[in-house]
N, C-alpha and C. Protein backbone atom coordinates (compact mmCIF):
# COMPACT_ATOMS: atom_id res chain seq x y z
N UNK A 1 -22.34 -45.00 36.15
CA UNK A 1 -23.51 -44.94 35.95
C UNK A 1 -23.60 -46.75 36.20
N UNK A 2 -25.24 -46.90 37.12
CA UNK A 2 -25.05 -48.24 37.30
C UNK A 2 -25.83 -49.04 36.05
N UNK A 3 -25.46 -50.45 36.12
CA UNK A 3 -25.85 -51.05 34.83
C UNK A 3 -27.21 -50.84 34.72
N UNK A 4 -28.41 -51.13 33.68
CA UNK A 4 -29.52 -51.40 33.58
C UNK A 4 -30.25 -52.07 32.15
N UNK A 5 -31.05 -52.63 32.23
CA UNK A 5 -31.39 -53.35 30.95
C UNK A 5 -32.03 -52.67 30.23
N UNK A 6 -32.40 -52.63 28.81
CA UNK A 6 -32.84 -51.76 27.69
C UNK A 6 -34.26 -52.19 27.53
N UNK A 7 -35.45 -52.07 28.25
CA UNK A 7 -36.58 -52.53 28.06
C UNK A 7 -37.53 -52.03 26.72
N UNK A 8 -38.19 -52.99 26.23
CA UNK A 8 -39.03 -52.16 25.20
C UNK A 8 -40.26 -51.53 26.10
N UNK A 9 -40.72 -50.22 25.21
CA UNK A 9 -41.59 -49.34 25.94
C UNK A 9 -42.44 -48.87 24.44
N UNK A 10 -43.29 -47.98 25.33
CA UNK A 10 -44.12 -47.29 24.25
C UNK A 10 -43.36 -46.23 23.31
N UNK A 11 -42.11 -45.81 24.07
CA UNK A 11 -41.52 -44.74 23.06
C UNK A 11 -40.61 -45.51 22.18
N UNK A 12 -40.51 -46.71 22.22
CA UNK A 12 -39.71 -47.52 21.36
C UNK A 12 -39.47 -47.13 19.81
N UNK A 13 -40.56 -46.53 19.42
CA UNK A 13 -40.42 -46.36 17.71
C UNK A 13 -39.72 -44.97 17.74
N UNK A 14 -40.10 -44.11 18.25
CA UNK A 14 -39.57 -42.53 18.31
C UNK A 14 -38.36 -42.45 18.79
N UNK A 15 -37.59 -43.57 19.74
CA UNK A 15 -36.38 -43.54 20.63
C UNK A 15 -35.35 -44.61 20.50
N UNK A 16 -34.20 -44.62 20.47
CA UNK A 16 -33.45 -45.65 20.25
C UNK A 16 -33.36 -46.75 21.82
N UNK A 17 -32.66 -47.55 21.87
CA UNK A 17 -33.13 -48.45 23.34
C UNK A 17 -32.56 -47.32 24.47
N UNK A 18 -31.15 -46.73 24.01
CA UNK A 18 -30.69 -46.30 24.83
C UNK A 18 -31.20 -44.96 25.68
N UNK A 19 -32.04 -44.37 24.58
CA UNK A 19 -32.87 -42.91 25.07
C UNK A 19 -33.63 -43.45 25.73
N UNK A 20 -34.28 -44.40 25.67
CA UNK A 20 -35.61 -44.78 26.19
C UNK A 20 -35.44 -45.36 27.62
N UNK A 21 -34.21 -46.18 27.52
CA UNK A 21 -33.90 -46.53 29.13
C UNK A 21 -33.47 -45.38 29.82
N UNK A 22 -32.85 -44.54 29.46
CA UNK A 22 -32.51 -43.17 30.35
C UNK A 22 -33.55 -42.45 30.65
N UNK A 23 -34.72 -42.53 30.00
CA UNK A 23 -36.12 -41.93 29.80
C UNK A 23 -36.61 -42.37 31.06
N UNK A 24 -36.66 -43.76 31.12
CA UNK A 24 -36.89 -44.57 32.40
C UNK A 24 -36.14 -44.44 33.45
N UNK A 25 -35.20 -44.44 33.57
CA UNK A 25 -34.01 -43.99 34.55
C UNK A 25 -34.31 -42.78 35.43
N UNK A 26 -34.66 -41.89 34.64
CA UNK A 26 -34.33 -40.40 35.30
C UNK A 26 -36.07 -39.79 34.98
N UNK A 27 -37.20 -40.74 35.06
CA UNK A 27 -38.33 -40.56 35.00
C UNK A 27 -38.74 -39.28 33.67
N UNK A 28 -38.40 -39.24 32.74
CA UNK A 28 -39.12 -38.35 32.13
C UNK A 28 -39.57 -39.16 30.95
N UNK A 29 -39.96 -40.16 30.49
CA UNK A 29 -40.48 -41.15 29.64
C UNK A 29 -41.98 -40.46 29.54
N UNK A 30 -42.74 -39.96 30.58
CA UNK A 30 -43.96 -39.57 30.59
C UNK A 30 -44.06 -38.29 29.84
N UNK A 31 -43.09 -37.70 29.50
CA UNK A 31 -43.10 -35.89 28.77
C UNK A 31 -43.31 -36.30 27.65
N UNK A 32 -43.04 -37.70 27.00
CA UNK A 32 -43.14 -37.95 25.77
C UNK A 32 -44.21 -38.68 25.30
N UNK A 33 -45.55 -38.19 25.50
CA UNK A 33 -46.81 -38.63 24.86
C UNK A 33 -46.75 -38.60 23.46
N UNK A 34 -47.99 -39.36 22.64
CA UNK A 34 -48.15 -39.17 21.50
C UNK A 34 -48.18 -37.74 21.16
N UNK A 35 -48.91 -36.69 21.63
CA UNK A 35 -49.15 -35.33 21.21
C UNK A 35 -47.46 -34.49 21.11
N UNK A 36 -46.87 -35.03 21.83
CA UNK A 36 -45.64 -34.28 22.18
C UNK A 36 -44.81 -34.88 21.14
N UNK A 37 -44.70 -35.99 21.02
CA UNK A 37 -43.66 -36.83 19.96
C UNK A 37 -44.48 -36.27 18.73
N UNK A 38 -45.79 -36.13 18.12
CA UNK A 38 -45.98 -35.31 17.04
C UNK A 38 -45.41 -33.78 16.77
N UNK A 39 -45.38 -33.30 18.00
CA UNK A 39 -45.07 -31.82 18.07
C UNK A 39 -43.95 -31.58 17.79
N UNK A 40 -42.96 -32.59 18.44
CA UNK A 40 -41.29 -32.12 18.44
C UNK A 40 -40.16 -33.28 18.09
N UNK A 41 -41.00 -34.48 17.18
CA UNK A 41 -40.40 -35.09 16.26
C UNK A 41 -40.62 -35.78 14.88
N UNK A 42 -40.60 -35.16 13.94
CA UNK A 42 -41.01 -34.86 12.68
C UNK A 42 -39.94 -36.04 11.83
N UNK A 43 -40.65 -36.39 10.70
CA UNK A 43 -40.01 -37.13 9.79
C UNK A 43 -39.67 -36.45 8.32
N UNK A 44 -40.01 -35.12 8.42
CA UNK A 44 -39.74 -34.47 7.16
C UNK A 44 -39.69 -32.78 7.74
N UNK A 45 -39.11 -31.82 6.75
CA UNK A 45 -39.02 -30.64 7.14
C UNK A 45 -40.30 -29.68 6.53
N UNK A 46 -40.92 -29.43 7.69
CA UNK A 46 -41.95 -28.77 7.18
C UNK A 46 -41.88 -27.55 5.91
N UNK A 47 -42.89 -27.47 5.08
CA UNK A 47 -42.53 -26.33 4.30
C UNK A 47 -42.34 -24.81 4.80
N UNK A 48 -43.25 -24.62 6.15
CA UNK A 48 -42.99 -23.37 6.51
C UNK A 48 -41.61 -23.00 7.30
N UNK A 49 -40.50 -24.08 7.12
CA UNK A 49 -38.98 -23.96 7.41
C UNK A 49 -38.23 -24.01 6.25
N UNK A 50 -38.90 -24.41 5.03
CA UNK A 50 -37.84 -24.49 3.76
C UNK A 50 -36.99 -23.44 3.42
N UNK A 51 -37.63 -21.99 3.67
CA UNK A 51 -36.87 -20.46 3.58
C UNK A 51 -36.09 -20.49 4.67
N UNK A 52 -36.37 -20.72 5.83
CA UNK A 52 -35.26 -20.49 6.74
C UNK A 52 -34.17 -21.36 6.77
N UNK A 53 -34.23 -22.38 6.43
CA UNK A 53 -33.00 -23.17 6.47
C UNK A 53 -32.37 -22.58 5.20
N UNK A 54 -32.85 -22.48 4.36
CA UNK A 54 -32.02 -21.85 2.78
C UNK A 54 -31.51 -20.72 2.92
N UNK A 55 -31.89 -19.99 4.04
CA UNK A 55 -31.47 -18.48 4.21
C UNK A 55 -30.37 -18.68 5.29
N UNK A 56 -30.17 -19.76 6.13
CA UNK A 56 -28.85 -20.02 6.92
C UNK A 56 -27.76 -19.95 6.26
N UNK A 57 -26.80 -18.94 6.54
CA UNK A 57 -25.44 -18.87 6.28
C UNK A 57 -24.49 -20.07 6.60
N UNK A 58 -24.87 -20.95 7.55
CA UNK A 58 -24.28 -21.84 7.90
C UNK A 58 -24.84 -22.91 8.68
N UNK A 59 -23.86 -24.29 8.91
CA UNK A 59 -24.89 -24.88 10.04
C UNK A 59 -23.59 -25.90 10.30
N UNK A 60 -23.90 -26.71 11.66
CA UNK A 60 -22.89 -27.62 11.75
C UNK A 60 -23.19 -29.09 11.33
N UNK A 61 -22.21 -30.09 10.65
CA UNK A 61 -22.51 -31.21 10.35
C UNK A 61 -21.69 -32.47 11.39
N UNK A 62 -22.57 -33.31 11.69
CA UNK A 62 -21.91 -34.21 12.46
C UNK A 62 -21.80 -35.51 11.54
N UNK A 63 -20.63 -36.40 11.27
CA UNK A 63 -20.75 -37.79 10.91
C UNK A 63 -20.02 -38.53 11.96
N UNK A 64 -19.80 -40.02 11.24
CA UNK A 64 -19.10 -40.34 12.26
C UNK A 64 -18.66 -41.69 11.36
N UNK A 65 -17.24 -42.48 11.49
CA UNK A 65 -16.71 -43.48 11.02
C UNK A 65 -17.62 -44.25 11.27
N UNK A 66 -17.11 -45.67 10.88
CA UNK A 66 -18.38 -47.06 11.18
C UNK A 66 -17.92 -47.37 12.31
N UNK A 67 -16.64 -47.37 12.86
CA UNK A 67 -16.46 -47.66 14.30
C UNK A 67 -16.49 -46.64 15.20
N UNK A 68 -17.54 -45.53 14.87
CA UNK A 68 -17.92 -44.59 16.05
C UNK A 68 -16.90 -43.62 16.41
N UNK A 69 -15.98 -43.13 15.38
CA UNK A 69 -15.32 -42.19 15.77
C UNK A 69 -15.94 -40.89 15.16
N UNK A 70 -16.51 -39.83 15.51
CA UNK A 70 -17.26 -38.71 15.41
C UNK A 70 -16.40 -37.79 14.90
N UNK A 71 -16.94 -36.98 14.09
CA UNK A 71 -16.51 -35.62 13.74
C UNK A 71 -17.24 -34.60 13.66
N UNK A 72 -17.61 -33.10 13.92
CA UNK A 72 -18.47 -32.30 13.27
C UNK A 72 -17.35 -31.02 12.97
N UNK A 73 -18.13 -30.62 11.85
CA UNK A 73 -17.56 -29.43 11.11
C UNK A 73 -18.52 -28.36 11.04
N UNK A 74 -17.80 -27.39 10.32
CA UNK A 74 -18.74 -25.90 10.47
C UNK A 74 -18.82 -25.96 9.10
N UNK A 75 -20.43 -25.93 8.71
CA UNK A 75 -20.30 -25.81 6.67
C UNK A 75 -21.08 -24.18 6.95
N UNK A 76 -19.97 -23.56 6.04
CA UNK A 76 -20.61 -22.05 5.92
C UNK A 76 -20.42 -21.79 4.42
N UNK A 77 -20.79 -20.56 3.65
CA UNK A 77 -20.98 -20.04 2.50
C UNK A 77 -22.01 -19.20 2.26
N UNK A 78 -22.68 -18.87 3.20
CA UNK A 78 -23.73 -17.75 3.29
C UNK A 78 -25.05 -18.30 2.78
N UNK A 79 -26.12 -17.48 2.66
CA UNK A 79 -27.39 -18.02 2.37
C UNK A 79 -27.77 -18.31 0.82
N UNK A 80 -28.23 -19.79 1.03
CA UNK A 80 -28.47 -20.52 -0.16
C UNK A 80 -27.33 -21.73 -0.14
N UNK A 81 -26.94 -21.69 1.01
CA UNK A 81 -26.01 -22.89 1.36
C UNK A 81 -26.50 -24.06 1.19
N UNK A 82 -27.93 -23.99 1.49
CA UNK A 82 -28.55 -25.57 1.42
C UNK A 82 -29.59 -25.10 0.55
N UNK A 83 -30.00 -26.36 -0.02
CA UNK A 83 -31.25 -25.79 -0.98
C UNK A 83 -32.25 -27.32 -0.76
N UNK A 84 -33.11 -26.94 -0.32
CA UNK A 84 -34.21 -27.78 -0.18
C UNK A 84 -34.96 -28.46 -1.68
N UNK A 85 -35.05 -30.00 -1.50
CA UNK A 85 -35.19 -30.39 -2.63
C UNK A 85 -36.88 -30.78 -2.73
N UNK A 86 -37.15 -31.70 -1.22
CA UNK A 86 -38.34 -31.30 -1.27
C UNK A 86 -38.38 -32.01 0.20
N UNK A 87 -39.40 -31.93 1.07
CA UNK A 87 -39.81 -32.30 2.45
C UNK A 87 -38.83 -33.15 3.18
N UNK A 88 -38.49 -34.07 2.15
CA UNK A 88 -37.52 -35.24 2.86
C UNK A 88 -36.06 -35.14 2.52
N UNK A 89 -35.78 -34.13 1.25
CA UNK A 89 -34.34 -34.30 0.90
C UNK A 89 -33.97 -32.76 0.79
N UNK A 90 -32.25 -32.69 1.33
CA UNK A 90 -31.84 -31.41 0.50
C UNK A 90 -30.33 -31.57 0.29
N UNK A 91 -29.68 -30.69 0.13
CA UNK A 91 -28.41 -30.79 -0.62
C UNK A 91 -27.56 -29.81 -0.23
N UNK A 92 -26.21 -29.66 -0.15
CA UNK A 92 -25.47 -28.63 0.38
C UNK A 92 -24.37 -29.00 -0.54
N UNK A 93 -23.47 -27.83 -0.95
CA UNK A 93 -22.25 -28.25 -1.71
C UNK A 93 -20.99 -28.52 -0.67
N UNK A 94 -19.67 -29.08 -1.38
CA UNK A 94 -18.88 -29.42 -0.86
C UNK A 94 -17.52 -28.40 -1.49
N UNK A 95 -17.21 -27.67 -0.36
CA UNK A 95 -15.88 -26.43 -1.14
C UNK A 95 -14.75 -27.30 -0.82
N UNK A 96 -13.99 -26.52 -1.73
CA UNK A 96 -12.22 -27.60 -1.19
C UNK A 96 -11.70 -26.98 -0.01
N UNK A 97 -11.51 -27.50 0.98
CA UNK A 97 -10.78 -27.21 2.03
C UNK A 97 -9.34 -27.70 2.01
N UNK A 98 -9.24 -28.31 3.02
CA UNK A 98 -7.88 -28.96 3.50
C UNK A 98 -7.33 -30.14 3.02
N UNK A 99 -8.51 -30.61 2.49
CA UNK A 99 -8.22 -32.06 1.42
C UNK A 99 -8.12 -33.30 2.24
N UNK A 100 -8.40 -33.39 3.44
CA UNK A 100 -8.76 -34.21 4.21
C UNK A 100 -9.71 -35.28 4.49
N UNK A 101 -10.94 -34.54 3.96
CA UNK A 101 -12.44 -35.10 3.43
C UNK A 101 -12.62 -36.13 4.70
N UNK A 102 -12.29 -35.35 5.76
CA UNK A 102 -13.15 -35.92 7.14
C UNK A 102 -14.44 -36.09 7.13
N UNK A 103 -15.15 -35.12 6.60
CA UNK A 103 -16.59 -35.46 6.71
C UNK A 103 -17.40 -36.29 5.51
N UNK A 104 -16.67 -36.16 4.50
CA UNK A 104 -16.85 -36.88 3.06
C UNK A 104 -16.25 -38.52 3.56
N UNK A 105 -15.41 -38.40 3.82
CA UNK A 105 -14.45 -40.03 4.14
C UNK A 105 -15.84 -40.58 5.20
N UNK A 106 -16.02 -39.97 6.08
CA UNK A 106 -17.14 -40.54 6.99
C UNK A 106 -18.26 -40.75 6.51
N UNK A 107 -18.96 -39.76 5.71
CA UNK A 107 -20.21 -40.44 4.66
C UNK A 107 -20.15 -41.58 3.56
N UNK A 108 -18.84 -41.40 2.94
CA UNK A 108 -18.53 -42.59 2.15
C UNK A 108 -18.48 -43.96 3.01
N UNK A 109 -18.53 -44.06 4.06
CA UNK A 109 -18.31 -45.16 4.85
C UNK A 109 -19.51 -45.41 5.80
N UNK A 110 -20.05 -44.22 6.14
CA UNK A 110 -21.41 -44.40 7.29
C UNK A 110 -22.21 -43.28 7.02
N UNK A 111 -23.08 -43.47 6.28
CA UNK A 111 -24.38 -42.33 5.63
C UNK A 111 -24.77 -41.61 6.69
N UNK A 112 -24.77 -42.02 8.12
CA UNK A 112 -25.61 -41.31 8.82
C UNK A 112 -24.82 -39.80 9.18
N UNK A 113 -25.88 -39.17 9.36
CA UNK A 113 -25.06 -37.68 9.35
C UNK A 113 -26.44 -36.89 10.60
N UNK A 114 -25.79 -36.08 11.43
CA UNK A 114 -26.69 -35.03 12.10
C UNK A 114 -26.40 -33.34 11.79
N UNK A 115 -27.29 -32.73 11.39
CA UNK A 115 -27.10 -31.31 10.76
C UNK A 115 -28.03 -30.26 12.10
N UNK A 116 -27.09 -29.49 12.64
CA UNK A 116 -27.54 -28.29 13.21
C UNK A 116 -27.22 -27.49 12.77
N UNK A 117 -28.95 -26.60 12.67
CA UNK A 117 -28.92 -25.25 12.33
C UNK A 117 -29.31 -24.33 13.42
N UNK A 118 -28.64 -23.21 13.72
CA UNK A 118 -28.87 -22.17 14.75
C UNK A 118 -28.92 -21.09 14.27
N UNK A 119 -30.15 -20.25 14.60
CA UNK A 119 -30.12 -18.85 14.27
C UNK A 119 -29.95 -17.89 15.62
N UNK A 120 -28.70 -17.34 15.45
CA UNK A 120 -28.19 -16.70 16.82
C UNK A 120 -28.99 -15.53 17.07
N UNK A 121 -29.95 -15.02 16.00
CA UNK A 121 -30.61 -13.63 16.30
C UNK A 121 -31.71 -14.18 17.04
N UNK A 122 -32.41 -15.01 16.99
CA UNK A 122 -33.52 -15.41 17.71
C UNK A 122 -33.60 -16.56 18.36
N UNK A 123 -32.50 -17.45 18.34
CA UNK A 123 -31.96 -18.77 19.47
C UNK A 123 -32.85 -19.95 19.07
N UNK A 124 -33.29 -19.99 17.91
CA UNK A 124 -34.14 -20.79 17.25
C UNK A 124 -33.08 -21.92 16.71
N UNK A 125 -33.27 -23.35 16.64
CA UNK A 125 -32.46 -24.26 16.55
C UNK A 125 -33.21 -25.53 15.75
N UNK A 126 -32.62 -26.21 15.12
CA UNK A 126 -33.50 -27.33 14.02
C UNK A 126 -32.08 -28.49 14.15
N UNK A 127 -32.31 -29.49 14.66
CA UNK A 127 -31.69 -30.88 14.23
C UNK A 127 -32.31 -31.78 13.29
N UNK A 128 -31.63 -32.12 12.30
CA UNK A 128 -32.08 -32.41 11.14
C UNK A 128 -30.72 -33.87 10.82
N UNK A 129 -31.92 -35.20 11.26
CA UNK A 129 -30.61 -36.41 10.90
C UNK A 129 -31.12 -37.08 9.83
N UNK A 130 -30.36 -38.03 9.13
CA UNK A 130 -30.54 -38.63 7.85
C UNK A 130 -29.37 -39.29 7.43
N UNK A 131 -29.51 -39.57 6.08
CA UNK A 131 -28.58 -40.45 5.56
C UNK A 131 -27.79 -39.59 4.20
N UNK A 132 -26.58 -39.42 4.04
CA UNK A 132 -26.07 -38.34 3.31
C UNK A 132 -25.59 -39.41 1.96
N UNK A 133 -25.41 -38.96 0.92
CA UNK A 133 -24.39 -39.30 0.13
C UNK A 133 -23.75 -38.30 -0.75
N UNK A 134 -22.37 -38.50 -1.32
CA UNK A 134 -21.50 -37.69 -1.87
C UNK A 134 -21.38 -37.83 -3.27
N UNK A 135 -21.92 -36.86 -3.87
CA UNK A 135 -21.95 -36.98 -5.46
C UNK A 135 -21.30 -36.05 -6.46
N UNK A 136 -20.23 -36.44 -7.41
CA UNK A 136 -19.48 -35.88 -7.98
C UNK A 136 -19.57 -35.66 -9.32
N UNK A 137 -20.99 -36.00 -9.61
CA UNK A 137 -21.63 -35.91 -10.89
C UNK A 137 -22.81 -35.87 -10.88
N UNK A 138 -23.92 -35.38 -12.14
CA UNK A 138 -24.87 -35.57 -11.96
C UNK A 138 -25.44 -33.58 -11.73
N UNK A 139 -27.01 -33.65 -12.06
CA UNK A 139 -27.51 -32.49 -11.93
C UNK A 139 -27.85 -31.48 -10.64
N UNK A 140 -27.45 -31.99 -9.54
CA UNK A 140 -27.52 -31.44 -8.47
C UNK A 140 -26.35 -30.66 -8.20
N UNK A 141 -25.15 -30.78 -9.05
CA UNK A 141 -23.86 -30.07 -9.01
C UNK A 141 -24.16 -28.79 -9.72
N UNK A 142 -25.45 -28.69 -10.45
CA UNK A 142 -25.64 -27.35 -11.11
C UNK A 142 -26.37 -26.70 -10.33
N UNK A 143 -26.90 -26.92 -9.26
CA UNK A 143 -27.33 -26.07 -8.11
C UNK A 143 -26.17 -25.16 -7.48
N UNK A 144 -25.40 -25.52 -7.61
CA UNK A 144 -23.77 -25.33 -6.44
C UNK A 144 -22.64 -25.18 -7.84
N UNK A 145 -23.04 -23.74 -8.76
CA UNK A 145 -21.92 -23.41 -9.41
C UNK A 145 -20.33 -23.52 -8.96
N UNK A 146 -19.52 -24.29 -9.66
CA UNK A 146 -18.32 -24.28 -8.97
C UNK A 146 -18.04 -25.23 -7.70
N UNK A 147 -19.11 -25.69 -7.37
CA UNK A 147 -18.44 -26.91 -6.24
C UNK A 147 -18.14 -28.19 -7.04
N UNK A 148 -17.15 -28.71 -6.81
CA UNK A 148 -16.81 -30.01 -7.48
C UNK A 148 -17.50 -31.14 -6.97
N UNK A 149 -18.27 -31.29 -5.54
CA UNK A 149 -19.02 -32.17 -5.16
C UNK A 149 -20.22 -31.62 -4.52
N UNK A 150 -21.34 -32.46 -4.24
CA UNK A 150 -22.49 -32.19 -3.37
C UNK A 150 -22.62 -33.33 -2.38
N UNK A 151 -23.19 -33.02 -1.38
CA UNK A 151 -24.11 -33.88 -0.43
C UNK A 151 -25.27 -33.88 -0.45
N UNK A 152 -26.30 -34.68 -0.86
CA UNK A 152 -27.79 -35.19 -0.84
C UNK A 152 -27.61 -35.63 0.78
N UNK A 153 -28.77 -35.19 1.08
CA UNK A 153 -29.31 -35.85 2.88
C UNK A 153 -30.77 -36.19 2.43
N UNK A 154 -30.96 -37.74 2.63
CA UNK A 154 -32.43 -38.35 2.67
C UNK A 154 -32.53 -38.12 4.48
N UNK A 155 -33.72 -37.02 4.92
CA UNK A 155 -34.13 -36.72 5.89
C UNK A 155 -34.90 -37.93 6.55
N UNK A 156 -34.45 -38.47 7.90
CA UNK A 156 -35.06 -39.21 8.35
C UNK A 156 -35.88 -38.86 9.76
N UNK A 157 -35.39 -37.53 10.66
CA UNK A 157 -35.62 -37.01 11.60
C UNK A 157 -35.20 -35.68 11.52
N UNK A 158 -36.34 -34.91 12.16
CA UNK A 158 -36.23 -33.32 12.43
C UNK A 158 -37.03 -33.09 13.90
N UNK A 159 -35.73 -32.33 14.54
CA UNK A 159 -35.83 -32.01 15.69
C UNK A 159 -36.14 -30.57 16.00
N UNK A 160 -37.14 -29.73 16.31
CA UNK A 160 -37.25 -28.39 16.52
C UNK A 160 -36.57 -28.19 18.35
N UNK A 161 -35.89 -27.27 18.73
CA UNK A 161 -35.30 -27.34 19.72
C UNK A 161 -35.94 -25.98 20.20
N UNK A 162 -35.78 -25.67 21.49
CA UNK A 162 -36.30 -24.14 22.23
C UNK A 162 -34.79 -23.31 22.01
N UNK A 163 -35.18 -22.13 21.96
CA UNK A 163 -34.14 -20.86 22.24
C UNK A 163 -33.48 -21.02 23.40
N UNK A 164 -33.88 -21.35 24.74
CA UNK A 164 -33.31 -21.48 26.03
C UNK A 164 -31.59 -21.94 25.74
N UNK A 165 -30.86 -21.19 26.49
CA UNK A 165 -29.56 -21.05 26.76
C UNK A 165 -28.74 -21.17 25.04
N UNK A 166 -29.27 -20.48 23.85
CA UNK A 166 -28.80 -20.09 23.19
C UNK A 166 -28.36 -18.53 23.27
N UNK A 167 -26.81 -18.19 22.82
CA UNK A 167 -26.75 -16.69 23.06
C UNK A 167 -27.24 -15.96 21.79
N UNK A 168 -27.39 -14.91 21.80
CA UNK A 168 -28.12 -14.25 20.93
C UNK A 168 -26.60 -13.28 20.50
N UNK A 169 -26.59 -13.33 19.06
CA UNK A 169 -25.22 -13.00 18.56
C UNK A 169 -25.65 -12.25 17.59
N UNK A 170 -24.86 -10.92 17.30
CA UNK A 170 -24.89 -10.01 16.17
C UNK A 170 -23.97 -10.53 15.21
N UNK A 171 -24.31 -10.79 13.74
CA UNK A 171 -23.41 -10.94 13.02
C UNK A 171 -22.80 -9.82 12.58
N UNK A 172 -21.25 -9.98 12.15
CA UNK A 172 -20.40 -9.14 11.89
C UNK A 172 -20.11 -9.59 10.21
N UNK A 173 -19.69 -8.79 9.47
CA UNK A 173 -19.28 -8.87 7.72
C UNK A 173 -18.08 -9.60 7.87
N UNK A 174 -17.95 -10.84 7.14
CA UNK A 174 -16.87 -11.38 7.13
C UNK A 174 -15.62 -10.62 6.25
N UNK A 175 -14.69 -10.58 7.05
CA UNK A 175 -13.42 -9.83 6.06
C UNK A 175 -12.83 -10.68 4.75
N UNK A 176 -12.70 -9.81 3.98
CA UNK A 176 -12.32 -10.28 2.68
C UNK A 176 -10.83 -10.85 2.70
N UNK A 177 -10.38 -12.02 1.89
CA UNK A 177 -9.25 -12.26 1.98
C UNK A 177 -8.29 -11.05 1.24
N UNK A 178 -6.86 -10.88 1.71
CA UNK A 178 -6.11 -10.09 0.94
C UNK A 178 -5.64 -10.97 -0.20
N UNK A 179 -5.86 -9.75 -1.41
CA UNK A 179 -5.23 -10.22 -2.79
C UNK A 179 -3.84 -10.64 -2.51
N UNK A 180 -3.43 -11.96 -3.41
CA UNK A 180 -2.33 -12.53 -3.26
C UNK A 180 -1.56 -11.53 -4.33
N UNK A 181 0.09 -11.58 -4.02
CA UNK A 181 1.02 -10.72 -4.43
C UNK A 181 1.15 -11.55 -5.66
């Protein structure tokens, strides 16, 4: 890719300088007029999406270390995995896994997170970006009995995506673990 500058534009408030520079380079900046930004770039989770998010049986969590090393993990647990606290805040439990704390360690050092919710039955997607905190005490733990930790996310940006290119998948029952002998 050729070098180019990072100019200030009318989209600067909605996009970072890299996004804006590439919109200009590939002539898509005009697509992002004020009406489209209001329609597709939100600063909160609309109430009409609360039940859908709380009903999601899983989501994908992206985190990054302070030096930019990324991690993306699957977070599952069935419906009610996510609890919407208000339009700008949600929480989810941290279940004991392999003990590496890759996601939580990144959050501890760099609170910026991206959450991707996909409903494979209809193809709807929702990206929720914000700042997270890991809590191992306090009232939020009461929302998730048995969870030793909770992650609270303060929402900064919500981006709905179209269903194009999302495969339609049919959920299968989750196999039960065999009892230990």
